[in-house]
């Protein structure tokens, strides 16, 4: 395997809570529904991308252009019923924008583990990223 990159991100809004309906009109005047990011989602994405860029720069990581394993350990923020797989899309997109890999088509996500909330943890996603050895 080679070099690994470890990143800790705050717990994101889930895919179910990232978008809201926005009504738009086409050039012909037809009304349609567009799915747009909520303010909370935009804020989280911007913060997460900056954190990733900072870590990538700190360790002089070169964006991978090959199959990339993304191990996720999820720490849920509360006792609500949650699904760790709802975090995949937004997390993988943030890693791409942050320069971890060239295109998220190369990402091989693996939800390695999850943990129920504790008094010391407010919710986070811990990531370990490395090129897949073939």
N, C-alpha and C. Protein backbone atom coordinates (compact mmCIF):
# COMPACT_ATOMS: atom_id res chain seq x y z
N UNK A 1 0.83 -1.17 0.00
CA UNK A 1 0.00 0.00 0.00
C UNK A 1 0.86 1.21 0.00
N UNK A 2 1.45 1.85 0.35
CA UNK A 2 2.19 3.08 0.28
C UNK A 2 1.68 4.09 1.29
N UNK A 3 1.67 5.31 0.85
CA UNK A 3 1.30 6.42 1.71
C UNK A 3 -0.20 6.44 2.01
N UNK A 4 -0.50 6.83 3.25
CA UNK A 4 -1.89 6.96 3.67
C UNK A 4 -2.15 8.39 4.10
N UNK A 5 -3.37 8.83 3.92
CA UNK A 5 -3.81 10.16 4.33
C UNK A 5 -4.94 9.98 5.33
N UNK A 6 -4.82 10.61 6.49
CA UNK A 6 -5.87 10.54 7.51
C UNK A 6 -6.50 11.91 7.67
N UNK A 7 -7.82 11.94 7.64
CA UNK A 7 -8.55 13.20 7.74
C UNK A 7 -9.74 12.99 8.68
N UNK A 8 -9.99 13.98 9.51
CA UNK A 8 -11.16 13.97 10.39
C UNK A 8 -12.07 15.12 9.98
N UNK A 9 -13.33 14.81 9.71
CA UNK A 9 -14.31 15.82 9.33
C UNK A 9 -15.46 15.83 10.34
N UNK A 10 -16.06 16.99 10.56
CA UNK A 10 -17.25 17.01 11.41
C UNK A 10 -18.36 16.22 10.73
N UNK A 11 -19.29 15.75 11.52
CA UNK A 11 -20.40 14.95 10.98
C UNK A 11 -21.21 15.79 9.99
N UNK A 12 -21.38 15.31 8.77
CA UNK A 12 -22.09 16.10 7.75
C UNK A 12 -23.60 15.93 7.84
N UNK A 13 -24.32 16.87 7.22
CA UNK A 13 -25.75 16.61 7.03
C UNK A 13 -25.86 15.39 6.11
N UNK A 14 -26.85 14.57 6.31
CA UNK A 14 -26.98 13.39 5.46
C UNK A 14 -27.51 13.79 4.09
N UNK A 15 -27.38 12.89 3.15
CA UNK A 15 -27.87 13.16 1.79
C UNK A 15 -29.35 13.53 1.81
N UNK A 16 -30.10 12.94 2.74
CA UNK A 16 -31.53 13.24 2.85
C UNK A 16 -31.79 14.68 3.31
N UNK A 17 -30.81 15.31 3.97
CA UNK A 17 -30.99 16.66 4.50
C UNK A 17 -30.09 17.70 3.84
N UNK A 18 -29.44 17.31 2.76
CA UNK A 18 -28.52 18.23 2.08
C UNK A 18 -29.22 19.15 1.09
N UNK A 19 -30.33 18.71 0.57
CA UNK A 19 -30.95 19.45 -0.53
C UNK A 19 -32.38 19.86 -0.21
N UNK A 20 -32.80 20.91 -0.89
CA UNK A 20 -34.18 21.40 -0.76
C UNK A 20 -34.71 21.68 -2.16
N UNK A 21 -36.01 21.73 -2.27
CA UNK A 21 -36.61 22.04 -3.56
C UNK A 21 -36.54 23.54 -3.83
N UNK A 22 -36.19 23.88 -5.04
CA UNK A 22 -36.20 25.28 -5.48
C UNK A 22 -36.96 25.30 -6.80
N UNK A 23 -37.94 26.14 -6.88
CA UNK A 23 -38.75 26.21 -8.10
C UNK A 23 -38.11 27.18 -9.08
N UNK A 24 -37.94 26.73 -10.31
CA UNK A 24 -37.31 27.51 -11.36
C UNK A 24 -38.22 27.50 -12.60
N UNK A 25 -37.85 28.37 -13.53
CA UNK A 25 -38.57 28.43 -14.79
C UNK A 25 -37.60 28.27 -15.94
N UNK A 26 -37.99 27.44 -16.90
CA UNK A 26 -37.14 27.23 -18.07
C UNK A 26 -37.24 28.43 -19.00
N UNK A 27 -36.44 28.44 -20.04
CA UNK A 27 -36.46 29.56 -21.00
C UNK A 27 -37.80 29.65 -21.73
N UNK A 28 -38.55 28.54 -21.74
CA UNK A 28 -39.87 28.56 -22.38
C UNK A 28 -40.98 28.89 -21.40
N UNK A 29 -40.61 29.14 -20.14
CA UNK A 29 -41.60 29.52 -19.14
C UNK A 29 -42.20 28.37 -18.36
N UNK A 30 -41.72 27.14 -18.60
CA UNK A 30 -42.23 25.99 -17.84
C UNK A 30 -41.59 25.96 -16.46
N UNK A 31 -42.42 25.72 -15.47
CA UNK A 31 -41.94 25.63 -14.09
C UNK A 31 -41.41 24.22 -13.83
N UNK A 32 -40.26 24.15 -13.14
CA UNK A 32 -39.70 22.85 -12.76
C UNK A 32 -39.06 22.96 -11.38
N UNK A 33 -38.78 21.81 -10.79
CA UNK A 33 -38.19 21.75 -9.46
C UNK A 33 -36.71 21.41 -9.60
N UNK A 34 -35.87 22.25 -9.03
CA UNK A 34 -34.43 21.98 -8.99
C UNK A 34 -34.07 21.67 -7.54
N UNK A 35 -33.18 20.71 -7.34
CA UNK A 35 -32.72 20.37 -5.99
C UNK A 35 -31.46 21.17 -5.71
N UNK A 36 -31.49 22.03 -4.70
CA UNK A 36 -30.33 22.86 -4.37
C UNK A 36 -29.86 22.57 -2.95
N UNK A 37 -28.60 22.88 -2.68
CA UNK A 37 -28.06 22.70 -1.34
C UNK A 37 -28.74 23.64 -0.36
N UNK A 38 -28.95 23.17 0.85
CA UNK A 38 -29.43 24.03 1.92
C UNK A 38 -28.26 24.91 2.38
N UNK A 39 -28.54 25.96 3.14
CA UNK A 39 -27.47 26.83 3.66
C UNK A 39 -26.54 26.04 4.57
N UNK A 40 -27.10 25.18 5.39
CA UNK A 40 -26.30 24.34 6.29
C UNK A 40 -25.37 23.44 5.49
N UNK A 41 -25.89 22.85 4.43
CA UNK A 41 -25.09 21.95 3.60
C UNK A 41 -23.96 22.71 2.90
N UNK A 42 -24.27 23.88 2.34
CA UNK A 42 -23.24 24.69 1.68
C UNK A 42 -22.12 25.03 2.66
N UNK A 43 -22.51 25.44 3.84
CA UNK A 43 -21.54 25.81 4.87
C UNK A 43 -20.67 24.62 5.24
N UNK A 44 -21.28 23.45 5.44
CA UNK A 44 -20.52 22.26 5.81
C UNK A 44 -19.55 21.88 4.70
N UNK A 45 -20.01 21.89 3.45
CA UNK A 45 -19.16 21.52 2.32
C UNK A 45 -17.96 22.47 2.22
N UNK A 46 -18.20 23.77 2.31
CA UNK A 46 -17.10 24.74 2.22
C UNK A 46 -16.08 24.51 3.32
N UNK A 47 -16.54 24.30 4.55
CA UNK A 47 -15.64 24.05 5.68
C UNK A 47 -14.87 22.75 5.48
N UNK A 48 -15.55 21.70 5.06
CA UNK A 48 -14.92 20.39 4.87
C UNK A 48 -13.88 20.44 3.76
N UNK A 49 -14.17 21.12 2.66
CA UNK A 49 -13.21 21.23 1.56
C UNK A 49 -11.95 21.95 2.05
N UNK A 50 -12.12 23.01 2.82
CA UNK A 50 -10.96 23.74 3.36
C UNK A 50 -10.13 22.86 4.28
N UNK A 51 -10.79 22.06 5.12
CA UNK A 51 -10.06 21.15 6.01
C UNK A 51 -9.25 20.13 5.21
N UNK A 52 -9.88 19.58 4.17
CA UNK A 52 -9.20 18.59 3.33
C UNK A 52 -8.01 19.23 2.61
N UNK A 53 -8.22 20.40 2.02
CA UNK A 53 -7.13 21.09 1.31
C UNK A 53 -5.95 21.35 2.25
N UNK A 54 -6.27 21.77 3.46
CA UNK A 54 -5.22 22.06 4.45
C UNK A 54 -4.42 20.80 4.77
N UNK A 55 -5.11 19.68 4.97
CA UNK A 55 -4.43 18.42 5.29
C UNK A 55 -3.61 17.92 4.08
N UNK A 56 -4.17 18.03 2.90
CA UNK A 56 -3.48 17.63 1.67
C UNK A 56 -2.19 18.44 1.50
N UNK A 57 -2.28 19.73 1.76
CA UNK A 57 -1.11 20.60 1.65
C UNK A 57 -0.07 20.29 2.74
N UNK A 58 -0.55 20.03 3.94
CA UNK A 58 0.35 19.74 5.07
C UNK A 58 1.23 18.53 4.81
N UNK A 59 0.65 17.48 4.24
CA UNK A 59 1.41 16.24 4.02
C UNK A 59 1.95 16.12 2.59
N UNK A 60 1.80 17.18 1.80
CA UNK A 60 2.26 17.19 0.39
C UNK A 60 1.68 16.02 -0.40
N UNK A 61 0.40 15.80 -0.23
CA UNK A 61 -0.32 14.71 -0.90
C UNK A 61 -0.50 15.06 -2.37
N UNK A 62 -0.27 14.12 -3.26
CA UNK A 62 -0.49 14.31 -4.68
C UNK A 62 -1.81 13.64 -5.04
N UNK A 63 -2.71 14.37 -5.71
CA UNK A 63 -4.03 13.83 -6.06
C UNK A 63 -3.87 12.53 -6.84
N UNK A 64 -4.56 11.50 -6.38
CA UNK A 64 -4.45 10.18 -6.99
C UNK A 64 -5.32 10.08 -8.25
N UNK A 65 -4.78 9.38 -9.23
CA UNK A 65 -5.52 9.14 -10.47
C UNK A 65 -5.58 7.63 -10.69
N UNK A 66 -5.94 6.92 -9.63
CA UNK A 66 -6.03 5.47 -9.66
C UNK A 66 -7.08 5.05 -8.62
N UNK A 67 -7.37 3.77 -8.54
CA UNK A 67 -8.33 3.30 -7.55
C UNK A 67 -7.84 3.69 -6.16
N UNK A 68 -8.76 4.30 -5.40
CA UNK A 68 -8.40 4.86 -4.10
C UNK A 68 -9.36 4.35 -3.03
N UNK A 69 -8.83 3.70 -2.03
CA UNK A 69 -9.64 3.19 -0.93
C UNK A 69 -9.91 4.33 0.06
N UNK A 70 -11.17 4.50 0.41
CA UNK A 70 -11.57 5.51 1.40
C UNK A 70 -12.25 4.76 2.55
N UNK A 71 -11.48 4.55 3.63
CA UNK A 71 -12.02 3.88 4.81
C UNK A 71 -12.71 4.93 5.68
N UNK A 72 -13.96 4.68 6.03
CA UNK A 72 -14.72 5.62 6.86
C UNK A 72 -15.08 4.98 8.19
N UNK A 73 -14.81 5.70 9.26
CA UNK A 73 -15.31 5.32 10.57
C UNK A 73 -16.21 6.47 11.01
N UNK A 74 -17.47 6.16 11.24
CA UNK A 74 -18.48 7.18 11.53
C UNK A 74 -18.79 7.20 13.02
N UNK A 75 -18.77 8.39 13.58
CA UNK A 75 -19.17 8.61 14.97
C UNK A 75 -20.45 9.42 14.94
N UNK A 76 -21.57 8.77 15.20
CA UNK A 76 -22.86 9.44 15.13
C UNK A 76 -22.98 10.50 16.22
N UNK A 77 -23.63 11.64 15.92
CA UNK A 77 -23.71 12.73 16.88
C UNK A 77 -24.79 12.56 17.95
N UNK A 78 -25.75 11.68 17.68
CA UNK A 78 -26.84 11.51 18.65
C UNK A 78 -27.43 10.12 18.48
N UNK A 79 -28.48 9.84 19.23
CA UNK A 79 -29.06 8.50 19.24
C UNK A 79 -30.14 8.28 18.18
N UNK A 80 -30.31 9.24 17.28
CA UNK A 80 -31.31 9.06 16.22
C UNK A 80 -30.93 7.87 15.34
N UNK A 81 -31.94 7.29 14.74
CA UNK A 81 -31.70 6.20 13.80
C UNK A 81 -31.01 6.79 12.57
N UNK A 82 -29.82 6.31 12.24
CA UNK A 82 -29.04 6.87 11.14
C UNK A 82 -28.49 5.78 10.26
N UNK A 83 -28.15 6.16 9.03
CA UNK A 83 -27.62 5.25 8.04
C UNK A 83 -26.29 5.81 7.55
N UNK A 84 -25.20 5.13 7.87
CA UNK A 84 -23.86 5.62 7.51
C UNK A 84 -23.67 5.76 6.00
N UNK A 85 -24.36 4.95 5.23
CA UNK A 85 -24.19 5.02 3.77
C UNK A 85 -24.72 6.33 3.18
N UNK A 86 -25.59 7.05 3.92
CA UNK A 86 -26.07 8.34 3.43
C UNK A 86 -24.98 9.41 3.43
N UNK A 87 -23.86 9.14 4.06
CA UNK A 87 -22.76 10.10 4.13
C UNK A 87 -21.77 9.95 2.98
N UNK A 88 -21.89 8.89 2.22
CA UNK A 88 -20.88 8.59 1.21
C UNK A 88 -20.75 9.66 0.13
N UNK A 89 -21.83 10.01 -0.52
CA UNK A 89 -21.75 10.92 -1.68
C UNK A 89 -21.11 12.24 -1.32
N UNK A 90 -21.61 12.89 -0.30
CA UNK A 90 -21.09 14.21 0.05
C UNK A 90 -19.63 14.12 0.49
N UNK A 91 -19.28 13.09 1.21
CA UNK A 91 -17.89 12.94 1.68
C UNK A 91 -16.95 12.71 0.51
N UNK A 92 -17.34 11.84 -0.42
CA UNK A 92 -16.49 11.57 -1.58
C UNK A 92 -16.34 12.80 -2.47
N UNK A 93 -17.41 13.58 -2.62
CA UNK A 93 -17.34 14.82 -3.40
C UNK A 93 -16.40 15.83 -2.75
N UNK A 94 -16.45 15.94 -1.43
CA UNK A 94 -15.58 16.86 -0.70
C UNK A 94 -14.11 16.45 -0.88
N UNK A 95 -13.84 15.16 -0.85
CA UNK A 95 -12.46 14.70 -1.03
C UNK A 95 -11.94 15.03 -2.43
N UNK A 96 -12.82 14.93 -3.42
CA UNK A 96 -12.42 15.29 -4.79
C UNK A 96 -12.11 16.79 -4.89
N UNK A 97 -13.01 17.62 -4.35
CA UNK A 97 -12.80 19.07 -4.39
C UNK A 97 -11.58 19.48 -3.59
N UNK A 98 -11.25 18.71 -2.56
CA UNK A 98 -10.11 19.02 -1.71
C UNK A 98 -8.77 18.55 -2.27
N UNK A 99 -8.79 17.79 -3.37
CA UNK A 99 -7.56 17.38 -4.02
C UNK A 99 -7.00 16.03 -3.59
N UNK A 100 -7.83 15.18 -3.02
CA UNK A 100 -7.36 13.85 -2.62
C UNK A 100 -7.21 12.94 -3.84
N UNK A 101 -8.17 13.02 -4.75
CA UNK A 101 -8.08 12.28 -6.01
C UNK A 101 -8.61 13.15 -7.12
N UNK A 102 -8.28 12.76 -8.34
CA UNK A 102 -8.63 13.55 -9.51
C UNK A 102 -10.13 13.49 -9.79
N UNK A 103 -10.73 12.31 -9.62
CA UNK A 103 -12.14 12.12 -9.91
C UNK A 103 -12.68 11.08 -8.94
N UNK A 104 -13.86 11.34 -8.38
CA UNK A 104 -14.39 10.39 -7.39
C UNK A 104 -14.85 9.07 -8.01
N UNK A 105 -14.74 8.94 -9.33
CA UNK A 105 -15.02 7.63 -9.93
C UNK A 105 -13.98 6.61 -9.46
N UNK A 106 -12.80 7.09 -9.02
CA UNK A 106 -11.74 6.21 -8.54
C UNK A 106 -11.94 5.77 -7.09
N UNK A 107 -12.86 6.41 -6.39
CA UNK A 107 -13.04 6.14 -4.96
C UNK A 107 -13.71 4.79 -4.72
N UNK A 108 -13.14 4.05 -3.79
CA UNK A 108 -13.71 2.78 -3.34
C UNK A 108 -14.07 2.96 -1.86
N UNK A 109 -15.28 3.45 -1.59
CA UNK A 109 -15.64 3.74 -0.20
C UNK A 109 -15.89 2.47 0.60
N UNK A 110 -15.47 2.51 1.84
CA UNK A 110 -15.67 1.39 2.75
C UNK A 110 -16.04 1.95 4.12
N UNK A 111 -17.28 1.73 4.53
CA UNK A 111 -17.68 2.13 5.87
C UNK A 111 -17.16 1.02 6.79
N UNK A 112 -16.01 1.30 7.36
CA UNK A 112 -15.29 0.32 8.16
C UNK A 112 -15.98 0.05 9.49
N UNK A 113 -16.51 1.11 10.10
CA UNK A 113 -17.14 0.95 11.41
C UNK A 113 -18.00 2.18 11.70
N UNK A 114 -18.87 2.04 12.69
CA UNK A 114 -19.63 3.19 13.19
C UNK A 114 -19.75 3.05 14.69
N UNK A 115 -19.96 4.18 15.35
CA UNK A 115 -20.04 4.19 16.80
C UNK A 115 -21.25 5.00 17.24
N UNK A 116 -21.92 4.50 18.24
CA UNK A 116 -23.05 5.24 18.81
C UNK A 116 -22.50 6.41 19.60
N UNK A 117 -23.30 7.42 19.84
CA UNK A 117 -22.79 8.63 20.48
C UNK A 117 -22.32 8.40 21.92
N UNK A 118 -21.37 9.23 22.29
CA UNK A 118 -20.89 9.23 23.68
C UNK A 118 -20.81 10.68 24.15
N UNK A 119 -20.57 10.87 25.42
CA UNK A 119 -20.51 12.23 25.97
C UNK A 119 -19.31 13.01 25.42
N UNK A 120 -18.26 12.31 25.04
CA UNK A 120 -17.05 12.99 24.58
C UNK A 120 -17.04 13.27 23.08
N UNK A 121 -17.87 12.61 22.32
CA UNK A 121 -17.86 12.77 20.86
C UNK A 121 -19.11 13.50 20.38
N UNK A 122 -18.91 14.53 19.60
CA UNK A 122 -20.04 15.31 19.05
C UNK A 122 -20.44 14.86 17.66
N UNK A 123 -19.80 13.86 17.14
CA UNK A 123 -20.10 13.36 15.80
C UNK A 123 -18.99 13.75 14.84
N UNK A 124 -18.48 12.76 14.13
CA UNK A 124 -17.44 13.03 13.14
C UNK A 124 -17.33 11.87 12.17
N UNK A 125 -16.56 12.10 11.13
CA UNK A 125 -16.24 11.05 10.17
C UNK A 125 -14.73 11.01 10.06
N UNK A 126 -14.14 9.88 10.42
CA UNK A 126 -12.70 9.71 10.35
C UNK A 126 -12.39 8.94 9.07
N UNK A 127 -11.45 9.45 8.29
CA UNK A 127 -11.13 8.87 6.99
C UNK A 127 -9.67 8.46 6.92
N UNK A 128 -9.41 7.31 6.33
CA UNK A 128 -8.06 6.89 6.00
C UNK A 128 -8.10 6.57 4.51
N UNK A 129 -7.20 7.21 3.75
CA UNK A 129 -7.24 7.14 2.29
C UNK A 129 -5.90 6.65 1.77
N UNK A 130 -5.94 5.72 0.82
CA UNK A 130 -4.71 5.22 0.22
C UNK A 130 -5.02 4.62 -1.14
N UNK A 131 -3.98 4.55 -1.99
CA UNK A 131 -4.13 3.94 -3.32
C UNK A 131 -4.28 2.44 -3.16
N UNK A 132 -5.17 1.87 -3.95
CA UNK A 132 -5.38 0.42 -3.89
C UNK A 132 -4.24 -0.27 -4.62
N UNK A 133 -3.54 -1.14 -3.92
CA UNK A 133 -2.46 -1.91 -4.55
C UNK A 133 -3.07 -3.02 -5.39
N UNK A 134 -2.56 -3.22 -6.57
CA UNK A 134 -3.14 -4.25 -7.45
C UNK A 134 -2.18 -5.36 -7.70
